[in-house]
Amino acid sequence: MYYKKVILGLLLAFVVGFICQLTHIPVPAPPVLGVALLVFLTSCGYWLTGLYLQRRDMKREAP
């Protein structure tokens, strides 16, 4: 279930970037690689923390 959300989010990001490139609209993202990497890593951390908390709760509920 979570993988579908991640894949859908990445696909949406690529579509928005592609449309912005075709129409010559500035991309709604930081133009510096370091800052873009920071945004990406923050998103990954959020996602991984959600997975960790979900698995931790599942272990507590298991007998």
PDB file of N, CA and C in Angstrom:
ATOM      1  N   MET A   1       0.821  -1.190   0.000  1.00  0.00           N
ATOM      2  CA  MET A   1       0.000   0.000   0.000  1.00  0.00           C
ATOM      3  C   MET A   1       0.867   1.258   0.000  1.00  0.00           C
ATOM      4  N   TYR A   2       1.875   1.304   0.869  1.00  0.00           N
ATOM      5  CA  TYR A   2       2.727   2.481   0.935  1.00  0.00           C
ATOM      6  C   TYR A   2       3.582   2.623  -0.318  1.00  0.00           C
ATOM      7  N   TYR A   3       3.953   1.498  -0.922  1.00  0.00           N
ATOM      8  CA  TYR A   3       4.773   1.580  -2.126  1.00  0.00           C
ATOM      9  C   TYR A   3       3.986   2.203  -3.268  1.00  0.00           C
ATOM     10  N   LYS A   4       2.690   1.952  -3.313  1.00  0.00           N
ATOM     11  CA  LYS A   4       1.862   2.564  -4.349  1.00  0.00           C
ATOM     12  C   LYS A   4       1.859   4.081  -4.196  1.00  0.00           C
ATOM     13  N   LYS A   5       1.796   4.564  -2.971  1.00  0.00           N
ATOM     14  CA  LYS A   5       1.804   6.006  -2.729  1.00  0.00           C
ATOM     15  C   LYS A   5       3.141   6.609  -3.133  1.00  0.00           C
ATOM     16  N   VAL A   6       4.233   5.935  -2.825  1.00  0.00           N
ATOM     17  CA  VAL A   6       5.553   6.444  -3.175  1.00  0.00           C
ATOM     18  C   VAL A   6       5.722   6.474  -4.687  1.00  0.00           C
ATOM     19  N   ILE A   7       5.347   5.412  -5.353  1.00  0.00           N
ATOM     20  CA  ILE A   7       5.465   5.353  -6.813  1.00  0.00           C
ATOM     21  C   ILE A   7       4.568   6.402  -7.458  1.00  0.00           C
ATOM     22  N   LEU A   8       3.345   6.555  -6.943  1.00  0.00           N
ATOM     23  CA  LEU A   8       2.439   7.563  -7.481  1.00  0.00           C
ATOM     24  C   LEU A   8       2.989   8.970  -7.257  1.00  0.00           C
ATOM     25  N   GLY A   9       3.588   9.215  -6.109  1.00  0.00           N
ATOM     26  CA  GLY A   9       4.190  10.514  -5.831  1.00  0.00           C
ATOM     27  C   GLY A   9       5.356  10.819  -6.749  1.00  0.00           C
ATOM     28  N   LEU A  10       6.223   9.834  -6.972  1.00  0.00           N
ATOM     29  CA  LEU A  10       7.346  10.030  -7.890  1.00  0.00           C
ATOM     30  C   LEU A  10       6.871  10.256  -9.315  1.00  0.00           C
ATOM     31  N   LEU A  11       5.860   9.500  -9.730  1.00  0.00           N
ATOM     32  CA  LEU A  11       5.312   9.663 -11.070  1.00  0.00           C
ATOM     33  C   LEU A  11       4.708  11.058 -11.232  1.00  0.00           C
ATOM     34  N   LEU A  12       3.980  11.512 -10.230  1.00  0.00           N
ATOM     35  CA  LEU A  12       3.398  12.848 -10.282  1.00  0.00           C
ATOM     36  C   LEU A  12       4.483  13.923 -10.343  1.00  0.00           C
ATOM     37  N   ALA A  13       5.550  13.744  -9.581  1.00  0.00           N
ATOM     38  CA  ALA A  13       6.648  14.705  -9.604  1.00  0.00           C
ATOM     39  C   ALA A  13       7.297  14.772 -10.983  1.00  0.00           C
ATOM     40  N   PHE A  14       7.507  13.628 -11.612  1.00  0.00           N
ATOM     41  CA  PHE A  14       8.100  13.624 -12.949  1.00  0.00           C
ATOM     42  C   PHE A  14       7.163  14.247 -13.978  1.00  0.00           C
ATOM     43  N   VAL A  15       5.861  14.002 -13.843  1.00  0.00           N
ATOM     44  CA  VAL A  15       4.899  14.589 -14.780  1.00  0.00           C
ATOM     45  C   VAL A  15       4.883  16.110 -14.640  1.00  0.00           C
ATOM     46  N   VAL A  16       4.864  16.604 -13.409  1.00  0.00           N
ATOM     47  CA  VAL A  16       4.880  18.058 -13.189  1.00  0.00           C
ATOM     48  C   VAL A  16       6.165  18.661 -13.751  1.00  0.00           C
ATOM     49  N   GLY A  17       7.296  18.028 -13.506  1.00  0.00           N
ATOM     50  CA  GLY A  17       8.560  18.514 -14.047  1.00  0.00           C
ATOM     51  C   GLY A  17       8.582  18.497 -15.563  1.00  0.00           C
ATOM     52  N   PHE A  18       8.032  17.456 -16.155  1.00  0.00           N
ATOM     53  CA  PHE A  18       7.984  17.339 -17.610  1.00  0.00           C
ATOM     54  C   PHE A  18       7.112  18.433 -18.214  1.00  0.00           C
ATOM     55  N   ILE A  19       5.951  18.666 -17.618  1.00  0.00           N
ATOM     56  CA  ILE A  19       5.047  19.705 -18.123  1.00  0.00           C
ATOM     57  C   ILE A  19       5.676  21.089 -17.955  1.00  0.00           C
ATOM     58  N   CYS A  20       6.338  21.307 -16.838  1.00  0.00           N
ATOM     59  CA  CYS A  20       7.014  22.591 -16.630  1.00  0.00           C
ATOM     60  C   CYS A  20       8.115  22.803 -17.670  1.00  0.00           C
ATOM     61  N   GLN A  21       8.831  21.753 -18.014  1.00  0.00           N
ATOM     62  CA  GLN A  21       9.893  21.858 -19.017  1.00  0.00           C
ATOM     63  C   GLN A  21       9.312  22.156 -20.396  1.00  0.00           C
ATOM     64  N   LEU A  22       8.220  21.500 -20.751  1.00  0.00           N
ATOM     65  CA  LEU A  22       7.613  21.715 -22.064  1.00  0.00           C
ATOM     66  C   LEU A  22       7.040  23.119 -22.213  1.00  0.00           C
ATOM     67  N   THR A  23       6.439  23.629 -21.151  1.00  0.00           N
ATOM     68  CA  THR A  23       5.785  24.931 -21.230  1.00  0.00           C
ATOM     69  C   THR A  23       6.694  26.077 -20.799  1.00  0.00           C
ATOM     70  N   HIS A  24       7.942  25.773 -20.450  1.00  0.00           N
ATOM     71  CA  HIS A  24       8.929  26.771 -20.031  1.00  0.00           C
ATOM     72  C   HIS A  24       8.482  27.544 -18.796  1.00  0.00           C
ATOM     73  N   ILE A  25       7.772  26.859 -17.900  1.00  0.00           N
ATOM     74  CA  ILE A  25       7.373  27.427 -16.615  1.00  0.00           C
ATOM     75  C   ILE A  25       8.455  27.049 -15.608  1.00  0.00           C
ATOM     76  N   PRO A  26       8.839  27.973 -14.726  1.00  0.00           N
ATOM     77  CA  PRO A  26       9.834  27.612 -13.708  1.00  0.00           C
ATOM     78  C   PRO A  26       9.334  26.449 -12.838  1.00  0.00           C
ATOM     79  N   VAL A  27      10.197  25.504 -12.629  1.00  0.00           N
ATOM     80  CA  VAL A  27       9.844  24.321 -11.840  1.00  0.00           C
ATOM     81  C   VAL A  27       9.646  24.735 -10.377  1.00  0.00           C
ATOM     82  N   PRO A  28       8.565  24.258  -9.745  1.00  0.00           N
ATOM     83  CA  PRO A  28       8.330  24.614  -8.342  1.00  0.00           C
ATOM     84  C   PRO A  28       9.210  23.796  -7.399  1.00  0.00           C
ATOM     85  N   ALA A  29      10.510  23.905  -7.590  1.00  0.00           N
ATOM     86  CA  ALA A  29      11.478  23.164  -6.764  1.00  0.00           C
ATOM     87  C   ALA A  29      12.756  23.991  -6.686  1.00  0.00           C
ATOM     88  N   PRO A  30      13.583  23.719  -5.703  1.00  0.00           N
ATOM     89  CA  PRO A  30      14.840  24.469  -5.600  1.00  0.00           C
ATOM     90  C   PRO A  30      15.762  24.184  -6.789  1.00  0.00           C
ATOM     91  N   PRO A  31      16.377  25.227  -7.368  1.00  0.00           N
ATOM     92  CA  PRO A  31      17.236  25.018  -8.531  1.00  0.00           C
ATOM     93  C   PRO A  31      18.634  24.530  -8.181  1.00  0.00           C
ATOM     94  N   VAL A  32      18.973  24.427  -6.919  1.00  0.00           N
ATOM     95  CA  VAL A  32      20.300  24.006  -6.488  1.00  0.00           C
ATOM     96  C   VAL A  32      20.255  22.529  -6.122  1.00  0.00           C
ATOM     97  N   LEU A  33      21.203  21.757  -6.605  1.00  0.00           N
ATOM     98  CA  LEU A  33      21.199  20.317  -6.388  1.00  0.00           C
ATOM     99  C   LEU A  33      21.224  19.957  -4.901  1.00  0.00           C
ATOM    100  N   GLY A  34      22.019  20.649  -4.119  1.00  0.00           N
ATOM    101  CA  GLY A  34      22.111  20.359  -2.692  1.00  0.00           C
ATOM    102  C   GLY A  34      20.787  20.544  -1.973  1.00  0.00           C
ATOM    103  N   VAL A  35      20.065  21.602  -2.317  1.00  0.00           N
ATOM    104  CA  VAL A  35      18.772  21.852  -1.681  1.00  0.00           C
ATOM    105  C   VAL A  35      17.739  20.842  -2.156  1.00  0.00           C
ATOM    106  N   ALA A  36      17.772  20.492  -3.428  1.00  0.00           N
ATOM    107  CA  ALA A  36      16.855  19.478  -3.939  1.00  0.00           C
ATOM    108  C   ALA A  36      17.124  18.137  -3.268  1.00  0.00           C
ATOM    109  N   LEU A  37      18.387  17.825  -3.044  1.00  0.00           N
ATOM    110  CA  LEU A  37      18.742  16.589  -2.350  1.00  0.00           C
ATOM    111  C   LEU A  37      18.238  16.615  -0.910  1.00  0.00           C
ATOM    112  N   LEU A  38      18.309  17.761  -0.268  1.00  0.00           N
ATOM    113  CA  LEU A  38      17.798  17.898   1.090  1.00  0.00           C
ATOM    114  C   LEU A  38      16.294  17.656   1.137  1.00  0.00           C
ATOM    115  N   VAL A  39      15.560  18.190   0.184  1.00  0.00           N
ATOM    116  CA  VAL A  39      14.108  17.964   0.113  1.00  0.00           C
ATOM    117  C   VAL A  39      13.827  16.481  -0.108  1.00  0.00           C
ATOM    118  N   PHE A  40      14.578  15.855  -0.997  1.00  0.00           N
ATOM    119  CA  PHE A  40      14.396  14.427  -1.272  1.00  0.00           C
ATOM    120  C   PHE A  40      14.685  13.582  -0.036  1.00  0.00           C
ATOM    121  N   LEU A  41      15.780  13.870   0.645  1.00  0.00           N
ATOM    122  CA  LEU A  41      16.139  13.090   1.825  1.00  0.00           C
ATOM    123  C   LEU A  41      15.156  13.313   2.973  1.00  0.00           C
ATOM    124  N   THR A  42      14.618  14.516   3.093  1.00  0.00           N
ATOM    125  CA  THR A  42      13.598  14.771   4.103  1.00  0.00           C
ATOM    126  C   THR A  42      12.348  13.943   3.812  1.00  0.00           C
ATOM    127  N   SER A  43      11.968  13.876   2.551  1.00  0.00           N
ATOM    128  CA  SER A  43      10.813  13.057   2.165  1.00  0.00           C
ATOM    129  C   SER A  43      11.067  11.580   2.442  1.00  0.00           C
ATOM    130  N   CYS A  44      12.266  11.110   2.131  1.00  0.00           N
ATOM    131  CA  CYS A  44      12.614   9.711   2.399  1.00  0.00           C
ATOM    132  C   CYS A  44      12.600   9.426   3.902  1.00  0.00           C
ATOM    133  N   GLY A  45      13.111  10.341   4.684  1.00  0.00           N
ATOM    134  CA  GLY A  45      13.099  10.166   6.135  1.00  0.00           C
ATOM    135  C   GLY A  45      11.686  10.095   6.681  1.00  0.00           C
ATOM    136  N   TYR A  46      10.811  10.932   6.166  1.00  0.00           N
ATOM    137  CA  TYR A  46       9.405  10.913   6.582  1.00  0.00           C
ATOM    138  C   TYR A  46       8.775   9.566   6.251  1.00  0.00           C
ATOM    139  N   TRP A  47       9.037   9.080   5.053  1.00  0.00           N
ATOM    140  CA  TRP A  47       8.468   7.813   4.610  1.00  0.00           C
ATOM    141  C   TRP A  47       9.025   6.645   5.431  1.00  0.00           C
ATOM    142  N   LEU A  48      10.329   6.619   5.650  1.00  0.00           N
ATOM    143  CA  LEU A  48      10.949   5.534   6.412  1.00  0.00           C
ATOM    144  C   LEU A  48      10.509   5.546   7.875  1.00  0.00           C
ATOM    145  N   THR A  49      10.318   6.717   8.445  1.00  0.00           N
ATOM    146  CA  THR A  49       9.827   6.799   9.812  1.00  0.00           C
ATOM    147  C   THR A  49       8.411   6.243   9.908  1.00  0.00           C
ATOM    148  N   GLY A  50       7.592   6.531   8.924  1.00  0.00           N
ATOM    149  CA  GLY A  50       6.238   5.971   8.888  1.00  0.00           C
ATOM    150  C   GLY A  50       6.262   4.457   8.818  1.00  0.00           C
ATOM    151  N   LEU A  51       7.140   3.900   7.996  1.00  0.00           N
ATOM    152  CA  LEU A  51       7.265   2.438   7.917  1.00  0.00           C
ATOM    153  C   LEU A  51       7.734   1.842   9.242  1.00  0.00           C
ATOM    154  N   TYR A  52       8.705   2.491   9.871  1.00  0.00           N
ATOM    155  CA  TYR A  52       9.227   2.009  11.150  1.00  0.00           C
ATOM    156  C   TYR A  52       8.134   2.003  12.218  1.00  0.00           C
ATOM    157  N   LEU A  53       7.390   3.086  12.302  1.00  0.00           N
ATOM    158  CA  LEU A  53       6.340   3.165  13.310  1.00  0.00           C
ATOM    159  C   LEU A  53       5.237   2.151  13.049  1.00  0.00           C
ATOM    160  N   GLN A  54       4.924   1.922  11.790  1.00  0.00           N
ATOM    161  CA  GLN A  54       3.902   0.933  11.456  1.00  0.00           C
ATOM    162  C   GLN A  54       4.358  -0.464  11.858  1.00  0.00           C
ATOM    163  N   ARG A  55       5.588  -0.811  11.559  1.00  0.00           N
ATOM    164  CA  ARG A  55       6.098  -2.148  11.913  1.00  0.00           C
ATOM    165  C   ARG A  55       6.227  -2.307  13.417  1.00  0.00           C
ATOM    166  N   ARG A  56       6.598  -1.245  14.111  1.00  0.00           N
ATOM    167  CA  ARG A  56       6.712  -1.306  15.566  1.00  0.00           C
ATOM    168  C   ARG A  56       5.343  -1.547  16.190  1.00  0.00           C
ATOM    169  N   ASP A  57       4.320  -0.896  15.668  1.00  0.00           N
ATOM    170  CA  ASP A  57       2.968  -1.111  16.181  1.00  0.00           C
ATOM    171  C   ASP A  57       2.473  -2.516  15.878  1.00  0.00           C
ATOM    172  N   MET A  58       2.837  -3.054  14.712  1.00  0.00           N
ATOM    173  CA  MET A  58       2.437  -4.421  14.370  1.00  0.00           C
ATOM    174  C   MET A  58       3.079  -5.424  15.293  1.00  0.00           C
ATOM    175  N   LYS A  59       4.330  -5.212  15.683  1.00  0.00           N
ATOM    176  CA  LYS A  59       5.028  -6.128  16.605  1.00  0.00           C
ATOM    177  C   LYS A  59       4.408  -6.090  17.987  1.00  0.00           C
ATOM    178  N   ARG A  60       3.940  -4.924  18.427  1.00  0.00           N
ATOM    179  CA  ARG A  60       3.311  -4.815  19.730  1.00  0.00           C
ATOM    180  C   ARG A  60       1.972  -5.529  19.769  1.00  0.00           C
ATOM    181  N   GLU A  61       1.239  -5.524  18.661  1.00  0.00           N
ATOM    182  CA  GLU A  61      -0.072  -6.161  18.618  1.00  0.00           C
ATOM    183  C   GLU A  61       0.018  -7.669  18.467  1.00  0.00           C
ATOM    184  N   ALA A  62       1.121  -8.170  17.916  1.00  0.00           N
ATOM    185  CA  ALA A  62       1.276  -9.621  17.717  1.00  0.00           C
ATOM    186  C   ALA A  62       1.479 -10.314  19.057  1.00  0.00           C
ATOM    187  N   PRO A  63       0.841 -11.475  19.233  1.00  0.00           N
ATOM    188  CA  PRO A  63       1.004 -12.204  20.518  1.00  0.00           C
ATOM    189  C   PRO A  63       2.350 -12.848  20.657  1.00  0.00           C
TER     190      PRO A  63
END
